[in-house]
C-alpha atoms as a PDB file:
ATOM      1  CA  MET A   1      13.401 -10.514  -4.429  1.00  0.00           C
ATOM      2  CA  ASN A   2      13.831 -13.909  -5.891  1.00  0.00           C
ATOM      3  CA  THR A   3      10.659 -15.968  -6.068  1.00  0.00           C
ATOM      4  CA  GLN A   4      10.542 -18.797  -3.528  1.00  0.00           C
ATOM      5  CA  THR A   5      13.584 -17.564  -1.631  1.00  0.00           C
ATOM      6  CA  ILE A   6      12.504 -19.062   1.671  1.00  0.00           C
ATOM      7  CA  ASP A   7      10.772 -22.289   0.807  1.00  0.00           C
ATOM      8  CA  ASP A   8      10.780 -24.191  -2.485  1.00  0.00           C
ATOM      9  CA  LYS A   9       7.461 -25.839  -1.599  1.00  0.00           C
ATOM     10  CA  GLU A  10       4.185 -24.336  -2.756  1.00  0.00           C
ATOM     11  CA  PRO A  11       2.685 -22.370   0.161  1.00  0.00           C
ATOM     12  CA  SER A  12      -0.636 -23.541   1.568  1.00  0.00           C
ATOM     13  CA  LYS A  13      -3.839 -21.969   0.288  1.00  0.00           C
ATOM     14  CA  ILE A  14      -4.833 -21.111   3.854  1.00  0.00           C
ATOM     15  CA  LEU A  15      -1.629 -19.098   4.338  1.00  0.00           C
ATOM     16  CA  ILE A  16      -2.168 -17.312   1.032  1.00  0.00           C
ATOM     17  CA  ILE A  17      -5.766 -16.468   1.970  1.00  0.00           C
ATOM     18  CA  ALA A  18      -4.627 -15.149   5.363  1.00  0.00           C
ATOM     19  CA  ALA A  19      -1.971 -12.960   3.727  1.00  0.00           C
ATOM     20  CA  PHE A  20      -4.463 -11.538   1.235  1.00  0.00           C
ATOM     21  CA  ALA A  21      -6.911 -10.882   4.079  1.00  0.00           C
ATOM     22  CA  ALA A  22      -4.214  -8.926   5.936  1.00  0.00           C
ATOM     23  CA  VAL A  23      -3.407  -6.819   2.875  1.00  0.00           C
ATOM     24  CA  TYR A  24      -7.050  -6.315   1.909  1.00  0.00           C
ATOM     25  CA  ILE A  25      -8.459  -5.494   5.365  1.00  0.00           C
ATOM     26  CA  PHE A  26      -5.593  -4.054   7.431  1.00  0.00           C
ATOM     27  CA  TRP A  27      -4.377  -1.828   4.608  1.00  0.00           C
ATOM     28  CA  GLY A  28      -7.915  -0.672   3.923  1.00  0.00           C
ATOM     29  CA  SER A  29      -8.160   0.468   7.531  1.00  0.00           C
ATOM     30  CA  THR A  30      -4.868   2.372   7.406  1.00  0.00           C
ATOM     31  CA  TYR A  31      -6.540   5.192   5.460  1.00  0.00           C
ATOM     32  CA  ILE A  32      -8.559   5.969   8.589  1.00  0.00           C
ATOM     33  CA  GLY A  33      -5.504   5.501  10.814  1.00  0.00           C
ATOM     34  CA  ILE A  34      -3.536   7.991   8.712  1.00  0.00           C
ATOM     35  CA  ALA A  35      -6.353  10.551   8.852  1.00  0.00           C
ATOM     36  CA  LEU A  36      -6.384  10.317  12.657  1.00  0.00           C
ATOM     37  CA  ALA A  37      -2.591  10.302  13.060  1.00  0.00           C
ATOM     38  CA  ILE A  38      -1.841  13.403  10.989  1.00  0.00           C
ATOM     39  CA  LYS A  39      -4.350  15.507  12.906  1.00  0.00           C
ATOM     40  CA  THR A  40      -1.605  16.309  15.424  1.00  0.00           C
ATOM     41  CA  VAL A  41       1.574  14.877  13.829  1.00  0.00           C
ATOM     42  CA  PRO A  42       3.171  16.356  10.647  1.00  0.00           C
ATOM     43  CA  PRO A  43       2.825  13.881   7.734  1.00  0.00           C
ATOM     44  CA  PHE A  44       6.503  13.226   6.938  1.00  0.00           C
ATOM     45  CA  LEU A  45       7.403  12.900  10.620  1.00  0.00           C
ATOM     46  CA  MET A  46       4.506  10.502  11.109  1.00  0.00           C
ATOM     47  CA  ALA A  47       5.700   8.420   8.156  1.00  0.00           C
ATOM     48  CA  ALA A  48       9.262   8.437   9.535  1.00  0.00           C
ATOM     49  CA  ILE A  49       8.130   7.202  12.935  1.00  0.00           C
ATOM     50  CA  ARG A  50       5.790   4.597  11.494  1.00  0.00           C
ATOM     51  CA  PHE A  51       8.216   3.016   9.063  1.00  0.00           C
ATOM     52  CA  PHE A  52      11.459   3.255  11.009  1.00  0.00           C
ATOM     53  CA  VAL A  53       9.985   1.955  14.289  1.00  0.00           C
ATOM     54  CA  ALA A  54       8.245  -0.934  12.513  1.00  0.00           C
ATOM     55  CA  GLY A  55      11.372  -1.748  10.496  1.00  0.00           C
ATOM     56  CA  PHE A  56      13.669  -1.558  13.507  1.00  0.00           C
ATOM     57  CA  ILE A  57      11.414  -3.836  15.591  1.00  0.00           C
ATOM     58  CA  LEU A  58      11.305  -6.358  12.769  1.00  0.00           C
ATOM     59  CA  TYR A  59      15.076  -6.135  12.221  1.00  0.00           C
ATOM     60  CA  ILE A  60      15.821  -6.783  15.918  1.00  0.00           C
ATOM     61  CA  TRP A  61      13.426  -9.723  15.875  1.00  0.00           C
ATOM     62  CA  CYS A  62      15.203 -11.202  12.819  1.00  0.00           C
ATOM     63  CA  ILE A  63      18.641 -10.781  14.404  1.00  0.00           C
ATOM     64  CA  ALA A  64      17.378 -12.344  17.647  1.00  0.00           C
ATOM     65  CA  LYS A  65      16.312 -15.391  15.624  1.00  0.00           C
ATOM     66  CA  GLY A  66      19.870 -15.757  14.343  1.00  0.00           C
ATOM     67  CA  GLU A  67      19.452 -14.192  10.911  1.00  0.00           C
ATOM     68  CA  LYS A  68      22.292 -12.176   9.448  1.00  0.00           C
ATOM     69  CA  THR A  69      22.192  -8.757   7.838  1.00  0.00           C
ATOM     70  CA  PRO A  70      22.359  -9.209   4.045  1.00  0.00           C
ATOM     71  CA  ASP A  71      25.419  -8.080   2.093  1.00  0.00           C
ATOM     72  CA  ILE A  72      25.748  -4.417   1.130  1.00  0.00           C
ATOM     73  CA  ILE A  73      24.458  -4.947  -2.408  1.00  0.00           C
ATOM     74  CA  SER A  74      21.334  -6.769  -1.215  1.00  0.00           C
ATOM     75  CA  THR A  75      20.800  -4.160   1.491  1.00  0.00           C
ATOM     76  CA  SER A  76      21.070  -1.334  -1.055  1.00  0.00           C
ATOM     77  CA  LYS A  77      18.634  -2.990  -3.441  1.00  0.00           C
ATOM     78  CA  ASN A  78      16.099  -3.559  -0.665  1.00  0.00           C
ATOM     79  CA  ALA A  79      16.554   0.006   0.558  1.00  0.00           C
ATOM     80  CA  LEU A  80      15.780   1.302  -2.947  1.00  0.00           C
ATOM     81  CA  ALA A  81      12.667  -0.878  -3.153  1.00  0.00           C
ATOM     82  CA  GLY A  82      11.551   0.434   0.233  1.00  0.00           C
ATOM     83  CA  VAL A  83      12.035   4.065  -0.779  1.00  0.00           C
ATOM     84  CA  LEU A  84      10.050   3.523  -3.994  1.00  0.00           C
ATOM     85  CA  MET A  85       7.187   1.665  -2.333  1.00  0.00           C
ATOM     86  CA  LEU A  86       6.944   3.119   1.142  1.00  0.00           C
ATOM     87  CA  PHE A  87       8.367   6.618   0.787  1.00  0.00           C
ATOM     88  CA  PHE A  88       7.166   7.636  -2.669  1.00  0.00           C
ATOM     89  CA  GLY A  89       4.130   5.357  -2.566  1.00  0.00           C
ATOM     90  CA  THR A  90       2.724   5.317   0.967  1.00  0.00           C
ATOM     91  CA  THR A  91       4.199   8.592   2.209  1.00  0.00           C
ATOM     92  CA  SER A  92       2.597  10.380  -0.731  1.00  0.00           C
ATOM     93  CA  LEU A  93      -0.721   9.016   0.550  1.00  0.00           C
ATOM     94  CA  ILE A  94       0.033  10.271   4.056  1.00  0.00           C
ATOM     95  CA  TRP A  95       0.859  13.727   2.698  1.00  0.00           C
ATOM     96  CA  VAL A  96      -2.218  14.065   0.475  1.00  0.00           C
ATOM     97  CA  GLU A  97      -4.630  13.068   3.239  1.00  0.00           C
ATOM     98  CA  GLN A  98      -4.054  16.583   4.542  1.00  0.00           C
ATOM     99  CA  TYR A  99      -6.055  17.788   1.550  1.00  0.00           C
ATOM    100  CA  LEU A 100      -8.113  14.823   0.321  1.00  0.00           C
ATOM    101  CA  PRO A 101     -10.617  12.699   2.283  1.00  0.00           C
ATOM    102  CA  ALA A 102      -9.603   9.124   3.109  1.00  0.00           C
ATOM    103  CA  GLY A 103     -12.244   7.640   0.829  1.00  0.00           C
ATOM    104  CA  LEU A 104     -11.205   9.586  -2.247  1.00  0.00           C
ATOM    105  CA  SER A 105      -7.535   8.827  -1.516  1.00  0.00           C
ATOM    106  CA  ALA A 106      -8.379   5.118  -1.433  1.00  0.00           C
ATOM    107  CA  ILE A 107     -10.147   5.429  -4.794  1.00  0.00           C
ATOM    108  CA  ILE A 108      -7.083   7.015  -6.412  1.00  0.00           C
ATOM    109  CA  ILE A 109      -4.815   4.320  -4.968  1.00  0.00           C
ATOM    110  CA  ALA A 110      -7.177   1.775  -6.520  1.00  0.00           C
ATOM    111  CA  THR A 111      -5.573   2.599  -9.903  1.00  0.00           C
ATOM    112  CA  THR A 112      -2.498   0.638  -8.765  1.00  0.00           C
ATOM    113  CA  PRO A 113      -3.457  -2.676 -10.500  1.00  0.00           C
ATOM    114  CA  PHE A 114      -3.552  -0.738 -13.766  1.00  0.00           C
ATOM    115  CA  TRP A 115       0.083   0.299 -13.273  1.00  0.00           C
ATOM    116  CA  PHE A 116       1.051  -3.274 -12.402  1.00  0.00           C
ATOM    117  CA  VAL A 117      -0.327  -4.574 -15.694  1.00  0.00           C
ATOM    118  CA  ILE A 118       1.188  -1.729 -17.748  1.00  0.00           C
ATOM    119  CA  LEU A 119       4.638  -1.815 -16.102  1.00  0.00           C
ATOM    120  CA  ASP A 120       5.118  -5.573 -15.652  1.00  0.00           C
ATOM    121  CA  LYS A 121       6.802  -6.117 -19.003  1.00  0.00           C
ATOM    122  CA  LYS A 122       7.764  -9.670 -18.084  1.00  0.00           C
ATOM    123  CA  HIS A 123       4.088 -10.645 -17.966  1.00  0.00           C
ATOM    124  CA  TRP A 124       2.699  -8.427 -20.752  1.00  0.00           C
ATOM    125  CA  LYS A 125       1.923 -11.371 -23.005  1.00  0.00           C
ATOM    126  CA  GLU A 126       0.259 -13.318 -20.197  1.00  0.00           C
ATOM    127  CA  ASN A 127      -1.736 -10.383 -18.809  1.00  0.00           C
ATOM    128  CA  PHE A 128      -2.978  -8.889 -22.065  1.00  0.00           C
ATOM    129  CA  SER A 129      -3.817 -12.265 -23.607  1.00  0.00           C
ATOM    130  CA  ASP A 130      -5.897 -13.320 -20.591  1.00  0.00           C
ATOM    131  CA  LYS A 131      -9.414 -12.061 -21.198  1.00  0.00           C
ATOM    132  CA  PHE A 132     -10.390 -12.460 -17.548  1.00  0.00           C
ATOM    133  CA  ILE A 133      -7.576 -10.179 -16.356  1.00  0.00           C
ATOM    134  CA  VAL A 134      -8.312  -7.566 -19.022  1.00  0.00           C
ATOM    135  CA  ILE A 135     -12.074  -7.638 -18.405  1.00  0.00           C
ATOM    136  CA  GLY A 136     -11.542  -7.706 -14.637  1.00  0.00           C
ATOM    137  CA  LEU A 137      -9.325  -4.625 -14.730  1.00  0.00           C
ATOM    138  CA  ALA A 138     -11.813  -2.836 -16.982  1.00  0.00           C
ATOM    139  CA  VAL A 139     -14.733  -3.725 -14.690  1.00  0.00           C
ATOM    140  CA  GLY A 140     -12.763  -2.677 -11.622  1.00  0.00           C
ATOM    141  CA  LEU A 141     -11.805   0.665 -13.147  1.00  0.00           C
ATOM    142  CA  ALA A 142     -15.427   1.243 -14.178  1.00  0.00           C
ATOM    143  CA  GLY A 143     -16.450   0.693 -10.580  1.00  0.00           C
ATOM    144  CA  ILE A 144     -13.776   3.115  -9.404  1.00  0.00           C
ATOM    145  CA  PHE A 145     -14.999   5.835 -11.773  1.00  0.00           C
ATOM    146  CA  MET A 146     -18.558   5.272 -10.622  1.00  0.00           C
ATOM    147  CA  LEU A 147     -17.472   5.361  -6.981  1.00  0.00           C
ATOM    148  CA  SER A 148     -15.758   8.710  -7.463  1.00  0.00           C
ATOM    149  CA  ALA A 149     -18.493  10.229  -9.582  1.00  0.00           C
ATOM    150  CA  HIS A 150     -20.124  12.195  -6.771  1.00  0.00           C
ATOM    151  CA  LYS A 151     -16.926  13.715  -5.357  1.00  0.00           C
ATOM    152  CA  GLY A 152     -14.152  12.792  -7.744  1.00  0.00           C
ATOM    153  CA  PRO A 153     -11.245  14.914  -8.981  1.00  0.00           C
ATOM    154  CA  MET A 154     -13.476  16.622 -11.559  1.00  0.00           C
ATOM    155  CA  ASN A 155     -15.369  18.192  -8.650  1.00  0.00           C
ATOM    156  CA  PHE A 156     -12.378  19.842  -6.989  1.00  0.00           C
ATOM    157  CA  SER A 157     -13.873  23.261  -7.824  1.00  0.00           C
ATOM    158  CA  GLY A 158     -10.477  24.785  -8.475  1.00  0.00           C
ATOM    159  CA  ASP A 159      -8.884  23.854  -5.148  1.00  0.00           C
ATOM    160  CA  LYS A 160      -5.185  24.023  -6.057  1.00  0.00           C
ATOM    161  CA  MET A 161      -3.891  21.748  -3.274  1.00  0.00           C
ATOM    162  CA  GLN A 162      -6.523  19.096  -3.988  1.00  0.00           C
ATOM    163  CA  ILE A 163      -5.602  19.059  -7.663  1.00  0.00           C
ATOM    164  CA  ILE A 164      -1.886  18.821  -6.820  1.00  0.00           C
ATOM    165  CA  SER A 165      -2.614  16.071  -4.293  1.00  0.00           C
ATOM    166  CA  PHE A 166      -4.585  14.109  -6.868  1.00  0.00           C
ATOM    167  CA  PHE A 167      -1.622  13.962  -9.261  1.00  0.00           C
ATOM    168  CA  VAL A 168       0.918  13.396  -6.472  1.00  0.00           C
ATOM    169  CA  LEU A 169      -1.044  10.340  -5.388  1.00  0.00           C
ATOM    170  CA  LEU A 170      -1.367   9.046  -8.938  1.00  0.00           C
ATOM    171  CA  ILE A 171       2.418   9.283  -9.359  1.00  0.00           C
ATOM    172  CA  GLY A 172       2.878   7.713  -5.929  1.00  0.00           C
ATOM    173  CA  SER A 173       0.730   4.728  -6.887  1.00  0.00           C
ATOM    174  CA  MET A 174       2.783   4.303 -10.050  1.00  0.00           C
ATOM    175  CA  LEU A 175       6.060   4.374  -8.098  1.00  0.00           C
ATOM    176  CA  TRP A 176       4.617   1.857  -5.621  1.00  0.00           C
ATOM    177  CA  ALA A 177       4.073  -0.515  -8.567  1.00  0.00           C
ATOM    178  CA  VAL A 178       7.598   0.207  -9.847  1.00  0.00           C
ATOM    179  CA  GLY A 179       9.064  -0.585  -6.428  1.00  0.00           C
ATOM    180  CA  SER A 180       6.964  -3.716  -6.056  1.00  0.00           C
ATOM    181  CA  LEU A 181       8.070  -5.064  -9.434  1.00  0.00           C
ATOM    182  CA  TYR A 182      11.687  -4.162  -8.672  1.00  0.00           C
ATOM    183  CA  SER A 183      11.402  -5.980  -5.334  1.00  0.00           C
ATOM    184  CA  LYS A 184       9.935  -9.059  -6.973  1.00  0.00           C
ATOM    185  CA  TYR A 185      12.371  -9.397  -9.863  1.00  0.00           C
ATOM    186  CA  THR A 186      15.599  -8.314  -8.140  1.00  0.00           C
ATOM    187  CA  ILE A 187      17.575 -11.165  -6.601  1.00  0.00           C
ATOM    188  CA  THR A 188      18.716 -10.389  -3.057  1.00  0.00           C
ATOM    189  CA  ASN A 189      19.899 -12.375  -0.066  1.00  0.00           C
ATOM    190  CA  GLY A 190      18.001 -12.722   3.199  1.00  0.00           C
ATOM    191  CA  SER A 191      14.575 -13.753   4.409  1.00  0.00           C
ATOM    192  CA  THR A 192      11.354 -11.961   3.556  1.00  0.00           C
ATOM    193  CA  SER A 193      11.240 -10.489   7.065  1.00  0.00           C
ATOM    194  CA  ILE A 194      14.718  -8.992   7.117  1.00  0.00           C
ATOM    195  CA  LYS A 195      14.266  -7.606   3.603  1.00  0.00           C
ATOM    196  CA  ALA A 196      11.024  -5.938   4.719  1.00  0.00           C
ATOM    197  CA  SER A 197      12.768  -4.503   7.780  1.00  0.00           C
ATOM    198  CA  ILE A 198      15.453  -2.890   5.608  1.00  0.00           C
ATOM    199  CA  GLN A 199      12.838  -1.494   3.241  1.00  0.00           C
ATOM    200  CA  MET A 200      10.842   0.058   6.089  1.00  0.00           C
ATOM    201  CA  MET A 201      13.892   1.559   7.829  1.00  0.00           C
ATOM    202  CA  ALA A 202      15.102   3.045   4.535  1.00  0.00           C
ATOM    203  CA  ALA A 203      11.708   4.624   3.914  1.00  0.00           C
ATOM    204  CA  GLY A 204      11.645   5.934   7.484  1.00  0.00           C
ATOM    205  CA  ILE A 205      15.038   7.587   7.072  1.00  0.00           C
ATOM    206  CA  ALA A 206      13.974   9.129   3.747  1.00  0.00           C
ATOM    207  CA  ALA A 207      10.790  10.507   5.342  1.00  0.00           C
ATOM    208  CA  LEU A 208      12.769  11.905   8.281  1.00  0.00           C
ATOM    209  CA  LEU A 209      15.173  13.723   5.949  1.00  0.00           C
ATOM    210  CA  VAL A 210      12.244  15.259   4.076  1.00  0.00           C
ATOM    211  CA  ALA A 211      10.592  16.221   7.395  1.00  0.00           C
ATOM    212  CA  ILE A 212      13.779  18.071   8.380  1.00  0.00           C
ATOM    213  CA  PHE A 213      14.251  19.626   4.935  1.00  0.00           C
ATOM    214  CA  THR A 214      10.639  20.900   4.748  1.00  0.00           C
ATOM    215  CA  GLY A 215      10.800  22.392   8.241  1.00  0.00           C
ATOM    216  CA  GLU A 216       8.213  20.206   9.939  1.00  0.00           C
ATOM    217  CA  PHE A 217      10.111  20.476  13.219  1.00  0.00           C
ATOM    218  CA  ASN A 218      10.026  24.287  13.205  1.00  0.00           C
ATOM    219  CA  HIS A 219       6.490  24.565  14.536  1.00  0.00           C
ATOM    220  CA  PHE A 220       6.051  21.137  16.097  1.00  0.00           C
ATOM    221  CA  HIS A 221       6.124  20.132  19.760  1.00  0.00           C
ATOM    222  CA  TRP A 222       5.849  16.560  20.958  1.00  0.00           C
ATOM    223  CA  SER A 223       3.357  17.640  23.622  1.00  0.00           C
ATOM    224  CA  GLN A 224       0.820  18.529  20.944  1.00  0.00           C
ATOM    225  CA  ILE A 225       0.337  14.877  19.929  1.00  0.00           C
ATOM    226  CA  SER A 226      -3.121  13.638  20.949  1.00  0.00           C
ATOM    227  CA  MET A 227      -3.867  10.169  22.302  1.00  0.00           C
ATOM    228  CA  HIS A 228      -5.969   9.469  19.204  1.00  0.00           C
ATOM    229  CA  SER A 229      -2.918  10.121  17.036  1.00  0.00           C
ATOM    230  CA  ILE A 230      -0.752   7.921  19.265  1.00  0.00           C
ATOM    231  CA  TYR A 231      -3.225   5.027  19.068  1.00  0.00           C
ATOM    232  CA  ALA A 232      -3.499   5.502  15.321  1.00  0.00           C
ATOM    233  CA  MET A 233       0.294   5.393  14.889  1.00  0.00           C
ATOM    234  CA  LEU A 234       0.541   2.257  17.029  1.00  0.00           C
ATOM    235  CA  TYR A 235      -2.067   0.621  14.798  1.00  0.00           C
ATOM    236  CA  LEU A 236      -0.248   1.732  11.648  1.00  0.00           C
ATOM    237  CA  ILE A 237       3.059   0.400  12.980  1.00  0.00           C
ATOM    238  CA  SER A 238       1.682  -2.979  14.058  1.00  0.00           C
ATOM    239  CA  PHE A 239      -1.135  -3.929  11.700  1.00  0.00           C
ATOM    240  CA  GLY A 240      -0.349  -1.621   8.788  1.00  0.00           C
ATOM    241  CA  SER A 241       3.421  -2.076   8.597  1.00  0.00           C
ATOM    242  CA  LEU A 242       4.512  -5.160  10.527  1.00  0.00           C
ATOM    243  CA  ILE A 243       1.652  -7.511   9.620  1.00  0.00           C
ATOM    244  CA  GLY A 244       0.263  -5.981   6.438  1.00  0.00           C
ATOM    245  CA  TYR A 245       3.548  -5.110   4.756  1.00  0.00           C
ATOM    246  CA  ILE A 246       5.213  -8.443   5.552  1.00  0.00           C
ATOM    247  CA  ALA A 247       2.171 -10.219   4.116  1.00  0.00           C
ATOM    248  CA  TYR A 248       2.431  -8.062   0.973  1.00  0.00           C
ATOM    249  CA  ILE A 249       6.155  -8.674   0.455  1.00  0.00           C
ATOM    250  CA  TRP A 250       5.626 -12.414   0.961  1.00  0.00           C
ATOM    251  CA  LEU A 251       2.763 -12.461  -1.555  1.00  0.00           C
ATOM    252  CA  LEU A 252       5.023 -10.785  -4.127  1.00  0.00           C
ATOM    253  CA  ASP A 253       7.321 -13.777  -3.762  1.00  0.00           C
ATOM    254  CA  VAL A 254       4.624 -16.380  -4.376  1.00  0.00           C
ATOM    255  CA  ARG A 255       1.998 -14.720  -6.602  1.00  0.00           C
ATOM    256  CA  PRO A 256       2.044 -12.567  -9.790  1.00  0.00           C
ATOM    257  CA  PRO A 257       2.237  -8.790  -9.120  1.00  0.00           C
ATOM    258  CA  ALA A 258      -1.003  -8.074 -11.023  1.00  0.00           C
ATOM    259  CA  ILE A 259      -2.880 -10.444  -8.700  1.00  0.00           C
ATOM    260  CA  VAL A 260      -1.248  -9.095  -5.544  1.00  0.00           C
ATOM    261  CA  GLY A 261      -2.089  -5.587  -6.719  1.00  0.00           C
ATOM    262  CA  THR A 262      -5.825  -6.301  -6.573  1.00  0.00           C
ATOM    263  CA  TYR A 263      -5.712  -5.224  -2.919  1.00  0.00           C
ATOM    264  CA  ALA A 264      -6.184  -1.720  -4.314  1.00  0.00           C
ATOM    265  CA  TYR A 265      -9.677  -2.711  -5.447  1.00  0.00           C
ATOM    266  CA  VAL A 266     -10.761  -3.906  -2.014  1.00  0.00           C
ATOM    267  CA  ASN A 267      -9.114  -1.222   0.106  1.00  0.00           C
ATOM    268  CA  PRO A 268     -11.580   1.511  -0.991  1.00  0.00           C
ATOM    269  CA  ALA A 269     -14.482  -0.643   0.205  1.00  0.00           C
ATOM    270  CA  VAL A 270     -12.860  -1.092   3.599  1.00  0.00           C
ATOM    271  CA  ALA A 271     -11.879   2.590   3.786  1.00  0.00           C
ATOM    272  CA  MET A 272     -15.399   3.735   2.897  1.00  0.00           C
ATOM    273  CA  PHE A 273     -17.011   1.456   5.461  1.00  0.00           C
ATOM    274  CA  LEU A 274     -14.653   2.466   8.259  1.00  0.00           C
ATOM    275  CA  GLY A 275     -14.985   6.109   7.268  1.00  0.00           C
ATOM    276  CA  TRP A 276     -18.741   5.750   7.808  1.00  0.00           C
ATOM    277  CA  TRP A 277     -18.307   3.809  11.044  1.00  0.00           C
ATOM    278  CA  ILE A 278     -15.473   5.762  12.668  1.00  0.00           C
ATOM    279  CA  LEU A 279     -15.449   9.188  11.004  1.00  0.00           C
ATOM    280  CA  ASP A 280     -19.222   9.472  10.430  1.00  0.00           C
ATOM    281  CA  GLU A 281     -18.825   9.819   6.667  1.00  0.00           C
ATOM    282  CA  LYS A 282     -22.007   9.307   4.657  1.00  0.00           C
ATOM    283  CA  ILE A 283     -22.290   6.333   2.300  1.00  0.00           C
ATOM    284  CA  LYS A 284     -24.557   6.783  -0.724  1.00  0.00           C
ATOM    285  CA  SER A 285     -26.258   4.047  -2.749  1.00  0.00           C
ATOM    286  CA  LEU A 286     -23.936   4.884  -5.663  1.00  0.00           C
ATOM    287  CA  GLN A 287     -20.964   3.951  -3.513  1.00  0.00           C
ATOM    288  CA  ILE A 288     -22.480   0.592  -2.523  1.00  0.00           C
ATOM    289  CA  VAL A 289     -23.203  -0.330  -6.148  1.00  0.00           C
ATOM    290  CA  SER A 290     -19.701   0.737  -7.124  1.00  0.00           C
ATOM    291  CA  LEU A 291     -18.139  -1.476  -4.475  1.00  0.00           C
ATOM    292  CA  PHE A 292     -19.954  -4.553  -5.792  1.00  0.00           C
ATOM    293  CA  ILE A 293     -18.663  -3.754  -9.284  1.00  0.00           C
ATOM    294  CA  ILE A 294     -15.108  -3.351  -7.968  1.00  0.00           C
ATOM    295  CA  LEU A 295     -15.237  -6.670  -6.123  1.00  0.00           C
ATOM    296  CA  THR A 296     -16.539  -8.314  -9.312  1.00  0.00           C
ATOM    297  CA  GLY A 297     -13.427  -6.996 -11.042  1.00  0.00           C
ATOM    298  CA  VAL A 298     -11.254  -8.563  -8.344  1.00  0.00           C
ATOM    299  CA  LEU A 299     -12.953 -11.927  -8.915  1.00  0.00           C
ATOM    300  CA  LEU A 300     -12.445 -11.759 -12.669  1.00  0.00           C
ATOM    301  CA  VAL A 301      -8.768 -10.803 -12.346  1.00  0.00           C
ATOM    302  CA  ASN A 302      -8.184 -13.777 -10.067  1.00  0.00           C
ATOM    303  CA  LEU A 303     -10.443 -16.245 -11.865  1.00  0.00           C
ATOM    304  CA  SER A 304      -7.896 -17.622 -14.335  1.00  0.00           C
ATOM    305  CA  LYS A 305      -5.331 -18.042 -11.556  1.00  0.00           C
ATOM    306  CA  TYR A 306      -7.811 -19.973  -9.452  1.00  0.00           C
ATOM    307  CA  LYS A 307      -8.547 -22.281 -12.370  1.00  0.00           C
ATOM    308  CA  LYS A 308      -4.839 -22.990 -12.896  1.00  0.00           C
ATOM    309  CA  GLU A 309      -4.468 -23.998  -9.221  1.00  0.00           C
ATOM    310  CA  GLU A 310      -7.368 -26.448  -9.250  1.00  0.00           C
END
């Protein structure tokens, strides 16, 4: 996506804060929504429903407003970005939550800002010469390691699927960063909303093909879906995909990827809290201390950007 494709004016700070709040809070809660949804819906089918329904609703809304479908090249580029981010990135999360708890999954995803800094070649000089960004990332990663100390990947006790899931999610977080950077630096036509709709529909189609290929429909009946899973999917479609994802794509247009990627620091805090509140997961003092350290890292990463905007 080309920066400032919709409006050449600098967006208001209130709008930016609201978008970050949506990405920080709504996406943090999706870990719990996913855990509830896949209890009775196969993971790839759930991802297909979530992304395609959300994308189709958004696409119809854009067309109703008078927007036009972008040209085939722009559509293809946005579809690729959607597959990288939402299929390889988010769908990998959905799949691994069969084997890993929501909190630990959120911790692994929190490595995403690291991939943004490493892979964003265009901003290497800026990122690695800014001591606040470097220190902030180091502090945030230290908090993540502390947070996972009591039940991290080193404590898998030989569980093969947990070990596989750990690395699948690491690769997924890397591909999410790749897709995000590709989306930001690739020039395409169309509004943020219609681009997001194409990305979500493409990811939904990819997830559906994998669901068919892996045989998820062989032992699945629609009648087995519980109301809890239905409510969870509705939440994921509305707040996770429509609101949260649009806010994320818009932020990529107006803010550096490394800064946008700091959502991965906050999401574990939200996921841990909601896991305690909704799923009755225990929160230890080590986790609380770790969360304060992680949030300190977020502040440091953003500090230089705040100073430049004053």
